[in-house]
Full PDB file with SEQRES, HELIX, SHEET, SSBOND, CRYST1, ORIGX, SCALE, CONECT and MASTER records, all heavy atoms in Angstrom:
SEQRES   1 A   38  TYR PRO HIS ASN LEU GLU GLU VAL ARG ARG ILE ALA ASP          
SEQRES   2 A   38  ARG HIS GLY LEU TRP ILE ILE GLU ASP ALA CYS HIS ALA          
SEQRES   3 A   38  PRO GLY ALA TRP TRP THR ASP SER GLU GLY LYS GLN              
HELIX    1 AA1 LEU A    5  ARG A   14  1                                  10    
CRYST1    1.000    1.000    1.000  90.00  90.00  90.00 P 1           1          
ORIGX1      1.000000  0.000000  0.000000        0.00000                         
ORIGX2      0.000000  1.000000  0.000000        0.00000                         
ORIGX3      0.000000  0.000000  1.000000        0.00000                         
SCALE1      1.000000  0.000000  0.000000        0.00000                         
SCALE2      0.000000  1.000000  0.000000        0.00000                         
SCALE3      0.000000  0.000000  1.000000        0.00000                         
ATOM      1  N   TYR A   1     113.747 203.503 -83.849  1.00  0.00           N  
ATOM      2  CA  TYR A   1     114.977 203.564 -84.646  1.00  0.00           C  
ATOM      3  C   TYR A   1     115.971 204.458 -83.909  1.00  0.00           C  
ATOM      4  O   TYR A   1     115.691 205.630 -83.660  1.00  0.00           O  
ATOM      5  CB  TYR A   1     114.687 204.127 -86.035  1.00  0.00           C  
ATOM      6  CG  TYR A   1     115.773 203.841 -87.045  1.00  0.00           C  
ATOM      7  CD1 TYR A   1     115.589 202.915 -88.054  1.00  0.00           C  
ATOM      8  CD2 TYR A   1     117.000 204.506 -86.989  1.00  0.00           C  
ATOM      9  CE1 TYR A   1     116.580 202.645 -88.985  1.00  0.00           C  
ATOM     10  CE2 TYR A   1     118.007 204.242 -87.903  1.00  0.00           C  
ATOM     11  CZ  TYR A   1     117.788 203.315 -88.908  1.00  0.00           C  
ATOM     12  OH  TYR A   1     118.783 203.046 -89.816  1.00  0.00           O  
ATOM     13  N   PRO A   2     117.149 203.957 -83.553  1.00  0.00           N  
ATOM     14  CA  PRO A   2     118.065 204.734 -82.718  1.00  0.00           C  
ATOM     15  C   PRO A   2     118.926 205.705 -83.505  1.00  0.00           C  
ATOM     16  O   PRO A   2     119.395 205.407 -84.596  1.00  0.00           O  
ATOM     17  CB  PRO A   2     118.943 203.647 -82.077  1.00  0.00           C  
ATOM     18  CG  PRO A   2     119.003 202.570 -83.126  1.00  0.00           C  
ATOM     19  CD  PRO A   2     117.648 202.580 -83.793  1.00  0.00           C  
ATOM     20  N   HIS A   3     119.140 206.873 -82.928  1.00  0.00           N  
ATOM     21  CA  HIS A   3     120.103 207.825 -83.466  1.00  0.00           C  
ATOM     22  C   HIS A   3     121.529 207.303 -83.253  1.00  0.00           C  
ATOM     23  O   HIS A   3     121.813 206.612 -82.270  1.00  0.00           O  
ATOM     24  CB  HIS A   3     119.995 209.171 -82.736  1.00  0.00           C  
ATOM     25  CG  HIS A   3     119.165 210.180 -83.446  1.00  0.00           C  
ATOM     26  ND1 HIS A   3     119.622 210.901 -84.529  1.00  0.00           N  
ATOM     27  CD2 HIS A   3     117.911 210.620 -83.213  1.00  0.00           C  
ATOM     28  CE1 HIS A   3     118.683 211.736 -84.936  1.00  0.00           C  
ATOM     29  NE2 HIS A   3     117.630 211.583 -84.160  1.00  0.00           N  
ATOM     30  N   ASN A   4     122.422 207.656 -84.156  1.00  0.00           N  
ATOM     31  CA  ASN A   4     123.852 207.466 -83.940  1.00  0.00           C  
ATOM     32  C   ASN A   4     124.326 208.642 -83.092  1.00  0.00           C  
ATOM     33  O   ASN A   4     124.550 209.739 -83.605  1.00  0.00           O  
ATOM     34  CB  ASN A   4     124.589 207.415 -85.276  1.00  0.00           C  
ATOM     35  CG  ASN A   4     126.083 207.176 -85.111  1.00  0.00           C  
ATOM     36  OD1 ASN A   4     126.722 207.735 -84.221  1.00  0.00           O  
ATOM     37  ND2 ASN A   4     126.653 206.370 -85.991  1.00  0.00           N  
ATOM     38  N   LEU A   5     124.434 208.429 -81.804  1.00  0.00           N  
ATOM     39  CA  LEU A   5     124.755 209.525 -80.883  1.00  0.00           C  
ATOM     40  C   LEU A   5     126.175 210.041 -81.052  1.00  0.00           C  
ATOM     41  O   LEU A   5     126.457 211.208 -80.764  1.00  0.00           O  
ATOM     42  CB  LEU A   5     124.533 209.072 -79.439  1.00  0.00           C  
ATOM     43  CG  LEU A   5     123.195 209.419 -78.789  1.00  0.00           C  
ATOM     44  CD1 LEU A   5     123.046 210.925 -78.632  1.00  0.00           C  
ATOM     45  CD2 LEU A   5     122.036 208.866 -79.572  1.00  0.00           C  
ATOM     46  N   GLU A   6     127.076 209.189 -81.521  1.00  0.00           N  
ATOM     47  CA  GLU A   6     128.447 209.636 -81.757  1.00  0.00           C  
ATOM     48  C   GLU A   6     128.460 210.740 -82.817  1.00  0.00           C  
ATOM     49  O   GLU A   6     129.144 211.758 -82.661  1.00  0.00           O  
ATOM     50  CB  GLU A   6     129.296 208.458 -82.203  1.00  0.00           C  
ATOM     51  CG  GLU A   6     130.779 208.760 -82.313  1.00  0.00           C  
ATOM     52  CD  GLU A   6     131.580 207.537 -82.706  1.00  0.00           C  
ATOM     53  OE1 GLU A   6     131.005 206.618 -83.358  1.00  0.00           O  
ATOM     54  OE2 GLU A   6     132.780 207.485 -82.381  1.00  0.00           O  
ATOM     55  N   GLU A   7     127.677 210.551 -83.861  1.00  0.00           N  
ATOM     56  CA  GLU A   7     127.575 211.551 -84.922  1.00  0.00           C  
ATOM     57  C   GLU A   7     126.932 212.834 -84.401  1.00  0.00           C  
ATOM     58  O   GLU A   7     127.409 213.941 -84.669  1.00  0.00           O  
ATOM     59  CB  GLU A   7     126.764 210.989 -86.089  1.00  0.00           C  
ATOM     60  CG  GLU A   7     126.544 211.961 -87.222  1.00  0.00           C  
ATOM     61  CD  GLU A   7     125.609 211.418 -88.290  1.00  0.00           C  
ATOM     62  OE1 GLU A   7     124.920 210.399 -88.041  1.00  0.00           O  
ATOM     63  OE2 GLU A   7     125.567 212.032 -89.371  1.00  0.00           O  
ATOM     64  N   VAL A   8     125.845 212.702 -83.649  1.00  0.00           N  
ATOM     65  CA  VAL A   8     125.177 213.885 -83.105  1.00  0.00           C  
ATOM     66  C   VAL A   8     126.100 214.629 -82.147  1.00  0.00           C  
ATOM     67  O   VAL A   8     126.151 215.864 -82.138  1.00  0.00           O  
ATOM     68  CB  VAL A   8     123.863 213.484 -82.398  1.00  0.00           C  
ATOM     69  CG1 VAL A   8     123.171 214.715 -81.828  1.00  0.00           C  
ATOM     70  CG2 VAL A   8     122.926 212.757 -83.351  1.00  0.00           C  
ATOM     71  N   ARG A   9     126.868 213.876 -81.349  1.00  0.00           N  
ATOM     72  CA  ARG A   9     127.785 214.494 -80.395  1.00  0.00           C  
ATOM     73  C   ARG A   9     128.861 215.304 -81.093  1.00  0.00           C  
ATOM     74  O   ARG A   9     129.238 216.408 -80.639  1.00  0.00           O  
ATOM     75  CB  ARG A   9     128.425 213.414 -79.526  1.00  0.00           C  
ATOM     76  CG  ARG A   9     129.344 213.915 -78.408  1.00  0.00           C  
ATOM     77  CD  ARG A   9     128.549 214.402 -77.220  1.00  0.00           C  
ATOM     78  NE  ARG A   9     128.287 215.818 -77.225  1.00  0.00           N  
ATOM     79  CZ  ARG A   9     127.484 216.432 -76.356  1.00  0.00           C  
ATOM     80  NH1 ARG A   9     126.834 215.735 -75.443  1.00  0.00           N  
ATOM     81  NH2 ARG A   9     127.296 217.727 -76.409  1.00  0.00           N  
ATOM     82  N   ARG A  10     129.379 214.786 -82.204  1.00  0.00           N  
ATOM     83  CA  ARG A  10     130.408 215.531 -82.953  1.00  0.00           C  
ATOM     84  C   ARG A  10     129.855 216.878 -83.412  1.00  0.00           C  
ATOM     85  O   ARG A  10     130.533 217.912 -83.306  1.00  0.00           O  
ATOM     86  CB  ARG A  10     130.878 214.714 -84.162  1.00  0.00           C  
ATOM     87  CG  ARG A  10     131.906 213.641 -83.847  1.00  0.00           C  
ATOM     88  CD  ARG A  10     132.615 213.176 -85.113  1.00  0.00           C  
ATOM     89  NE  ARG A  10     131.686 212.612 -86.081  1.00  0.00           N  
ATOM     90  CZ  ARG A  10     131.385 211.321 -86.182  1.00  0.00           C  
ATOM     91  NH1 ARG A  10     131.958 210.453 -85.349  1.00  0.00           N  
ATOM     92  NH2 ARG A  10     130.536 210.881 -87.092  1.00  0.00           N  
ATOM     93  N   ILE A  11     128.635 216.842 -83.932  1.00  0.00           N  
ATOM     94  CA  ILE A  11     128.007 218.091 -84.393  1.00  0.00           C  
ATOM     95  C   ILE A  11     127.778 219.031 -83.216  1.00  0.00           C  
ATOM     96  O   ILE A  11     128.068 220.231 -83.281  1.00  0.00           O  
ATOM     97  CB  ILE A  11     126.683 217.780 -85.111  1.00  0.00           C  
ATOM     98  CG1 ILE A  11     126.930 216.960 -86.377  1.00  0.00           C  
ATOM     99  CG2 ILE A  11     125.934 219.069 -85.451  1.00  0.00           C  
ATOM    100  CD1 ILE A  11     125.666 216.410 -87.010  1.00  0.00           C  
ATOM    101  N   ALA A  12     127.243 218.480 -82.123  1.00  0.00           N  
ATOM    102  CA  ALA A  12     126.942 219.304 -80.948  1.00  0.00           C  
ATOM    103  C   ALA A  12     128.200 219.928 -80.365  1.00  0.00           C  
ATOM    104  O   ALA A  12     128.202 221.113 -79.990  1.00  0.00           O  
ATOM    105  CB  ALA A  12     126.232 218.452 -79.898  1.00  0.00           C  
ATOM    106  N   ASP A  13     129.279 219.168 -80.303  1.00  0.00           N  
ATOM    107  CA  ASP A  13     130.506 219.683 -79.709  1.00  0.00           C  
ATOM    108  C   ASP A  13     131.105 220.820 -80.529  1.00  0.00           C  
ATOM    109  O   ASP A  13     131.718 221.746 -79.975  1.00  0.00           O  
ATOM    110  CB  ASP A  13     131.533 218.557 -79.556  1.00  0.00           C  
ATOM    111  CG  ASP A  13     131.222 217.630 -78.385  1.00  0.00           C  
ATOM    112  OD1 ASP A  13     130.351 217.990 -77.575  1.00  0.00           O  
ATOM    113  OD2 ASP A  13     131.848 216.557 -78.299  1.00  0.00           O  
ATOM    114  N   ARG A  14     130.941 220.752 -81.865  1.00  0.00           N  
ATOM    115  CA  ARG A  14     131.471 221.827 -82.704  1.00  0.00           C  
ATOM    116  C   ARG A  14     130.785 223.163 -82.407  1.00  0.00           C  
ATOM    117  O   ARG A  14     131.344 224.229 -82.667  1.00  0.00           O  
ATOM    118  CB  ARG A  14     131.297 221.483 -84.187  1.00  0.00           C  
ATOM    119  CG  ARG A  14     132.275 220.463 -84.710  1.00  0.00           C  
ATOM    120  CD  ARG A  14     132.404 220.532 -86.229  1.00  0.00           C  
ATOM    121  NE  ARG A  14     131.161 220.256 -86.918  1.00  0.00           N  
ATOM    122  CZ  ARG A  14     130.774 219.045 -87.315  1.00  0.00           C  
ATOM    123  NH1 ARG A  14     131.546 217.988 -87.060  1.00  0.00           N  
ATOM    124  NH2 ARG A  14     129.638 218.875 -87.961  1.00  0.00           N  
ATOM    125  N   HIS A  15     129.570 223.091 -81.867  1.00  0.00           N  
ATOM    126  CA  HIS A  15     128.788 224.308 -81.652  1.00  0.00           C  
ATOM    127  C   HIS A  15     128.435 224.528 -80.176  1.00  0.00           C  
ATOM    128  O   HIS A  15     127.615 225.406 -79.861  1.00  0.00           O  
ATOM    129  CB  HIS A  15     127.519 224.250 -82.493  1.00  0.00           C  
ATOM    130  CG  HIS A  15     127.795 224.157 -83.962  1.00  0.00           C  
ATOM    131  ND1 HIS A  15     128.010 225.268 -84.751  1.00  0.00           N  
ATOM    132  CD2 HIS A  15     127.925 223.079 -84.786  1.00  0.00           C  
ATOM    133  CE1 HIS A  15     128.245 224.881 -86.004  1.00  0.00           C  
ATOM    134  NE2 HIS A  15     128.196 223.564 -86.048  1.00  0.00           N  
ATOM    135  N   GLY A  16     129.032 223.736 -79.284  1.00  0.00           N  
ATOM    136  CA  GLY A  16     128.833 223.934 -77.853  1.00  0.00           C  
ATOM    137  C   GLY A  16     127.433 223.641 -77.359  1.00  0.00           C  
ATOM    138  O   GLY A  16     126.916 224.347 -76.473  1.00  0.00           O  
ATOM    139  N   LEU A  17     126.799 222.605 -77.903  1.00  0.00           N  
ATOM    140  CA  LEU A  17     125.422 222.265 -77.537  1.00  0.00           C  
ATOM    141  C   LEU A  17     125.367 221.088 -76.573  1.00  0.00           C  
ATOM    142  O   LEU A  17     126.179 220.173 -76.634  1.00  0.00           O  
ATOM    143  CB  LEU A  17     124.608 221.892 -78.786  1.00  0.00           C  
ATOM    144  CG  LEU A  17     124.608 222.834 -79.978  1.00  0.00           C  
ATOM    145  CD1 LEU A  17     123.677 222.295 -81.048  1.00  0.00           C  
ATOM    146  CD2 LEU A  17     124.191 224.234 -79.557  1.00  0.00           C  
ATOM    147  N   TRP A  18     124.368 221.103 -75.711  1.00  0.00           N  
ATOM    148  CA  TRP A  18     124.036 219.898 -74.954  1.00  0.00           C  
ATOM    149  C   TRP A  18     123.057 219.061 -75.778  1.00  0.00           C  
ATOM    150  O   TRP A  18     122.454 219.555 -76.738  1.00  0.00           O  
ATOM    151  CB  TRP A  18     123.444 220.221 -73.579  1.00  0.00           C  
ATOM    152  CG  TRP A  18     122.364 221.267 -73.568  1.00  0.00           C  
ATOM    153  CD1 TRP A  18     122.463 222.567 -73.177  1.00  0.00           C  
ATOM    154  CD2 TRP A  18     121.001 221.109 -74.017  1.00  0.00           C  
ATOM    155  NE1 TRP A  18     121.269 223.227 -73.333  1.00  0.00           N  
ATOM    156  CE2 TRP A  18     120.349 222.345 -73.847  1.00  0.00           C  
ATOM    157  CE3 TRP A  18     120.274 220.041 -74.522  1.00  0.00           C  
ATOM    158  CZ2 TRP A  18     119.008 222.546 -74.172  1.00  0.00           C  
ATOM    159  CZ3 TRP A  18     118.938 220.229 -74.862  1.00  0.00           C  
ATOM    160  CH2 TRP A  18     118.318 221.467 -74.686  1.00  0.00           C  
ATOM    161  N   ILE A  19     122.894 217.774 -75.382  1.00  0.00           N  
ATOM    162  CA  ILE A  19     121.985 216.862 -76.087  1.00  0.00           C  
ATOM    163  C   ILE A  19     121.036 216.221 -75.086  1.00  0.00           C  
ATOM    164  O   ILE A  19     121.474 215.627 -74.097  1.00  0.00           O  
ATOM    165  CB  ILE A  19     122.739 215.732 -76.812  1.00  0.00           C  
ATOM    166  CG1 ILE A  19     123.704 216.298 -77.858  1.00  0.00           C  
ATOM    167  CG2 ILE A  19     121.766 214.751 -77.467  1.00  0.00           C  
ATOM    168  CD1 ILE A  19     124.640 215.238 -78.432  1.00  0.00           C  
ATOM    169  N   ILE A  20     119.739 216.353 -75.338  1.00  0.00           N  
ATOM    170  CA  ILE A  20     118.737 215.539 -74.654  1.00  0.00           C  
ATOM    171  C   ILE A  20     118.202 214.544 -75.674  1.00  0.00           C  
ATOM    172  O   ILE A  20     117.770 214.938 -76.759  1.00  0.00           O  
ATOM    173  CB  ILE A  20     117.583 216.394 -74.089  1.00  0.00           C  
ATOM    174  CG1 ILE A  20     118.077 217.296 -72.957  1.00  0.00           C  
ATOM    175  CG2 ILE A  20     116.447 215.488 -73.576  1.00  0.00           C  
ATOM    176  CD1 ILE A  20     117.023 218.247 -72.424  1.00  0.00           C  
ATOM    177  N   GLU A  21     118.252 213.274 -75.320  1.00  0.00           N  
ATOM    178  CA  GLU A  21     117.759 212.218 -76.196  1.00  0.00           C  
ATOM    179  C   GLU A  21     116.419 211.713 -75.672  1.00  0.00           C  
ATOM    180  O   GLU A  21     116.332 211.244 -74.539  1.00  0.00           O  
ATOM    181  CB  GLU A  21     118.761 211.064 -76.253  1.00  0.00           C  
ATOM    182  CG  GLU A  21     118.313 209.898 -77.122  1.00  0.00           C  
ATOM    183  CD  GLU A  21     119.282 208.732 -77.088  1.00  0.00           C  
ATOM    184  OE1 GLU A  21     120.097 208.659 -76.140  1.00  0.00           O  
ATOM    185  OE2 GLU A  21     119.225 207.890 -78.007  1.00  0.00           O  
ATOM    186  N   ASP A  22     115.392 211.842 -76.487  1.00  0.00           N  
ATOM    187  CA  ASP A  22     114.084 211.280 -76.170  1.00  0.00           C  
ATOM    188  C   ASP A  22     114.063 209.866 -76.747  1.00  0.00           C  
ATOM    189  O   ASP A  22     113.897 209.669 -77.947  1.00  0.00           O  
ATOM    190  CB  ASP A  22     112.993 212.144 -76.785  1.00  0.00           C  
ATOM    191  CG  ASP A  22     111.582 211.641 -76.510  1.00  0.00           C  
ATOM    192  OD1 ASP A  22     111.422 210.438 -76.223  1.00  0.00           O  
ATOM    193  OD2 ASP A  22     110.633 212.446 -76.617  1.00  0.00           O  
ATOM    194  N   ALA A  23     114.251 208.884 -75.875  1.00  0.00           N  
ATOM    195  CA  ALA A  23     114.298 207.477 -76.292  1.00  0.00           C  
ATOM    196  C   ALA A  23     113.058 206.727 -75.816  1.00  0.00           C  
ATOM    197  O   ALA A  23     113.109 205.521 -75.570  1.00  0.00           O  
ATOM    198  CB  ALA A  23     115.553 206.813 -75.752  1.00  0.00           C  
ATOM    199  N   CYS A  24     111.942 207.441 -75.708  1.00  0.00           N  
ATOM    200  CA  CYS A  24     110.713 206.830 -75.203  1.00  0.00           C  
ATOM    201  C   CYS A  24     110.253 205.654 -76.058  1.00  0.00           C  
ATOM    202  O   CYS A  24     109.567 204.753 -75.570  1.00  0.00           O  
ATOM    203  CB  CYS A  24     109.606 207.877 -75.119  1.00  0.00           C  
ATOM    204  SG  CYS A  24     109.907 209.135 -73.856  1.00  0.00           S  
ATOM    205  N   HIS A  25     110.633 205.645 -77.347  1.00  0.00           N  
ATOM    206  CA  HIS A  25     110.264 204.549 -78.241  1.00  0.00           C  
ATOM    207  C   HIS A  25     111.330 203.461 -78.311  1.00  0.00           C  
ATOM    208  O   HIS A  25     111.126 202.474 -79.010  1.00  0.00           O  
ATOM    209  CB  HIS A  25     110.062 205.085 -79.663  1.00  0.00           C  
ATOM    210  CG  HIS A  25     108.872 205.959 -79.837  1.00  0.00           C  
ATOM    211  ND1 HIS A  25     108.491 206.472 -81.062  1.00  0.00           N  
ATOM    212  CD2 HIS A  25     107.956 206.428 -78.949  1.00  0.00           C  
ATOM    213  CE1 HIS A  25     107.406 207.217 -80.923  1.00  0.00           C  
ATOM    214  NE2 HIS A  25     107.078 207.217 -79.644  1.00  0.00           N  
ATOM    215  N   ALA A  26     112.461 203.642 -77.611  1.00  0.00           N  
ATOM    216  CA  ALA A  26     113.625 202.835 -77.988  1.00  0.00           C  
ATOM    217  C   ALA A  26     114.403 202.133 -76.880  1.00  0.00           C  
ATOM    218  O   ALA A  26     115.598 201.886 -77.049  1.00  0.00           O  
ATOM    219  CB  ALA A  26     114.578 203.705 -78.799  1.00  0.00           C  
ATOM    220  N   PRO A  27     113.813 201.753 -75.753  1.00  0.00           N  
ATOM    221  CA  PRO A  27     114.604 200.951 -74.809  1.00  0.00           C  
ATOM    222  C   PRO A  27     114.950 199.607 -75.443  1.00  0.00           C  
ATOM    223  O   PRO A  27     114.103 198.948 -76.033  1.00  0.00           O  
ATOM    224  CB  PRO A  27     113.660 200.783 -73.607  1.00  0.00           C  
ATOM    225  CG  PRO A  27     112.296 200.923 -74.183  1.00  0.00           C  
ATOM    226  CD  PRO A  27     112.424 201.935 -75.292  1.00  0.00           C  
ATOM    227  N   GLY A  28     116.216 199.224 -75.351  1.00  0.00           N  
ATOM    228  CA  GLY A  28     116.650 197.971 -75.962  1.00  0.00           C  
ATOM    229  C   GLY A  28     117.202 198.131 -77.363  1.00  0.00           C  
ATOM    230  O   GLY A  28     117.752 197.182 -77.932  1.00  0.00           O  
ATOM    231  N   ALA A  29     117.076 199.326 -77.947  1.00  0.00           N  
ATOM    232  CA  ALA A  29     117.647 199.581 -79.269  1.00  0.00           C  
ATOM    233  C   ALA A  29     119.162 199.761 -79.139  1.00  0.00           C  
ATOM    234  O   ALA A  29     119.688 200.039 -78.060  1.00  0.00           O  
ATOM    235  CB  ALA A  29     117.019 200.810 -79.903  1.00  0.00           C  
ATOM    236  N   TRP A  30     119.872 199.620 -80.246  1.00  0.00           N  
ATOM    237  CA  TRP A  30     121.317 199.845 -80.259  1.00  0.00           C  
ATOM    238  C   TRP A  30     121.768 200.325 -81.627  1.00  0.00           C  
ATOM    239  O   TRP A  30     121.060 200.178 -82.618  1.00  0.00           O  
ATOM    240  CB  TRP A  30     122.086 198.573 -79.868  1.00  0.00           C  
ATOM    241  CG  TRP A  30     121.775 197.362 -80.708  1.00  0.00           C  
ATOM    242  CD1 TRP A  30     120.854 196.387 -80.427  1.00  0.00           C  
ATOM    243  CD2 TRP A  30     122.366 196.996 -81.971  1.00  0.00           C  
ATOM    244  NE1 TRP A  30     120.826 195.446 -81.424  1.00  0.00           N  
ATOM    245  CE2 TRP A  30     121.755 195.788 -82.387  1.00  0.00           C  
ATOM    246  CE3 TRP A  30     123.343 197.566 -82.791  1.00  0.00           C  
ATOM    247  CZ2 TRP A  30     122.084 195.159 -83.584  1.00  0.00           C  
ATOM    248  CZ3 TRP A  30     123.688 196.931 -83.984  1.00  0.00           C  
ATOM    249  CH2 TRP A  30     123.062 195.739 -84.354  1.00  0.00           C  
ATOM    250  N   TRP A  31     122.935 200.930 -81.654  1.00  0.00           N  
ATOM    251  CA  TRP A  31     123.553 201.388 -82.891  1.00  0.00           C  
ATOM    252  C   TRP A  31     125.041 201.065 -82.821  1.00  0.00           C  
ATOM    253  O   TRP A  31     125.564 200.683 -81.775  1.00  0.00           O  
ATOM    254  CB  TRP A  31     123.310 202.886 -83.086  1.00  0.00           C  
ATOM    255  CG  TRP A  31     123.715 203.735 -81.924  1.00  0.00           C  
ATOM    256  CD1 TRP A  31     122.989 203.992 -80.798  1.00  0.00           C  
ATOM    257  CD2 TRP A  31     124.969 204.403 -81.752  1.00  0.00           C  
ATOM    258  NE1 TRP A  31     123.699 204.783 -79.931  1.00  0.00           N  
ATOM    259  CE2 TRP A  31     124.915 205.061 -80.498  1.00  0.00           C  
ATOM    260  CE3 TRP A  31     126.120 204.537 -82.530  1.00  0.00           C  
ATOM    261  CZ2 TRP A  31     125.976 205.817 -80.005  1.00  0.00           C  
ATOM    262  CZ3 TRP A  31     127.169 205.300 -82.048  1.00  0.00           C  
ATOM    263  CH2 TRP A  31     127.091 205.926 -80.797  1.00  0.00           C  
ATOM    264  N   THR A  32     125.748 201.206 -83.936  1.00  0.00           N  
ATOM    265  CA  THR A  32     127.153 200.817 -84.019  1.00  0.00           C  
ATOM    266  C   THR A  32     128.039 202.041 -84.136  1.00  0.00           C  
ATOM    267  O   THR A  32     127.817 202.898 -85.006  1.00  0.00           O  
ATOM    268  CB  THR A  32     127.383 199.898 -85.229  1.00  0.00           C  
ATOM    269  OG1 THR A  32     126.483 198.783 -85.144  1.00  0.00           O  
ATOM    270  CG2 THR A  32     128.812 199.387 -85.255  1.00  0.00           C  
ATOM    271  N   ASP A  33     129.055 202.151 -83.266  1.00  0.00           N  
ATOM    272  CA  ASP A  33     129.926 203.323 -83.276  1.00  0.00           C  
ATOM    273  C   ASP A  33     131.047 203.183 -84.310  1.00  0.00           C  
ATOM    274  O   ASP A  33     131.121 202.193 -85.053  1.00  0.00           O  
ATOM    275  CB  ASP A  33     130.467 203.607 -81.874  1.00  0.00           C  
ATOM    276  CG  ASP A  33     131.441 202.539 -81.370  1.00  0.00           C  
ATOM    277  OD1 ASP A  33     131.948 201.734 -82.182  1.00  0.00           O  
ATOM    278  OD2 ASP A  33     131.711 202.523 -80.151  1.00  0.00           O  
ATOM    279  N   SER A  34     131.934 204.171 -84.346  1.00  0.00           N  
ATOM    280  CA  SER A  34     132.989 204.209 -85.354  1.00  0.00           C  
ATOM    281  C   SER A  34     134.028 203.110 -85.183  1.00  0.00           C  
ATOM    282  O   SER A  34     134.801 202.825 -86.110  1.00  0.00           O  
ATOM    283  CB  SER A  34     133.689 205.577 -85.329  1.00  0.00           C  
ATOM    284  OG  SER A  34     134.242 205.831 -84.050  1.00  0.00           O  
ATOM    285  N   GLU A  35     134.038 202.476 -84.013  1.00  0.00           N  
ATOM    286  CA  GLU A  35     134.954 201.362 -83.774  1.00  0.00           C  
ATOM    287  C   GLU A  35     134.289 200.014 -83.987  1.00  0.00           C  
ATOM    288  O   GLU A  35     134.886 198.971 -83.718  1.00  0.00           O  
ATOM    289  CB  GLU A  35     135.511 201.448 -82.343  1.00  0.00           C  
ATOM    290  CG  GLU A  35     136.334 202.710 -82.085  1.00  0.00           C  
ATOM    291  CD  GLU A  35     136.854 202.775 -80.671  1.00  0.00           C  
ATOM    292  OE1 GLU A  35     136.475 201.902 -79.853  1.00  0.00           O  
ATOM    293  OE2 GLU A  35     137.632 203.698 -80.370  1.00  0.00           O  
ATOM    294  N   GLY A  36     133.039 200.041 -84.480  1.00  0.00           N  
ATOM    295  CA  GLY A  36     132.327 198.799 -84.739  1.00  0.00           C  
ATOM    296  C   GLY A  36     131.689 198.181 -83.513  1.00  0.00           C  
ATOM    297  O   GLY A  36     131.240 197.031 -83.565  1.00  0.00           O  
ATOM    298  N   LYS A  37     131.590 198.944 -82.423  1.00  0.00           N  
ATOM    299  CA  LYS A  37     131.012 198.427 -81.189  1.00  0.00           C  
ATOM    300  C   LYS A  37     129.540 198.820 -81.091  1.00  0.00           C  
ATOM    301  O   LYS A  37     129.163 199.936 -81.439  1.00  0.00           O  
ATOM    302  CB  LYS A  37     131.761 198.974 -79.970  1.00  0.00           C  
ATOM    303  CG  LYS A  37     133.218 198.551 -79.913  1.00  0.00           C  
ATOM    304  CD  LYS A  37     133.914 199.168 -78.701  1.00  0.00           C  
ATOM    305  CE  LYS A  37     135.378 198.767 -78.645  1.00  0.00           C  
ATOM    306  NZ  LYS A  37     136.078 199.426 -77.491  1.00  0.00           N  
ATOM    307  N   GLN A  38     128.722 197.902 -80.595  1.00  0.00           N  
ATOM    308  CA  GLN A  38     127.307 198.197 -80.396  1.00  0.00           C  
ATOM    309  C   GLN A  38     127.118 199.055 -79.149  1.00  0.00           C  
ATOM    310  O   GLN A  38     127.674 198.749 -78.095  1.00  0.00           O  
ATOM    311  CB  GLN A  38     126.502 196.906 -80.269  1.00  0.00           C  
ATOM    312  CG  GLN A  38     126.400 196.114 -81.552  1.00  0.00           C  
ATOM    313  CD  GLN A  38     125.509 194.888 -81.417  1.00  0.00           C  
ATOM    314  OE1 GLN A  38     124.921 194.643 -80.363  1.00  0.00           O  
ATOM    315  NE2 GLN A  38     125.401 194.111 -82.495  1.00  0.00           N  
TER     316      GLN A  38                                                      
MASTER        0    0    0    1    0    0    0    6  315    1    0    3          
END                                                                             
């Protein structure tokens, strides 16, 4: 199940954090951004 990275990025940027995404379960997964793009 993929994270919405746009949402996580907004939170991270407010607090100056980097993001490591462990996608070991999720090659080929996708999510939809705020512009409706996969």
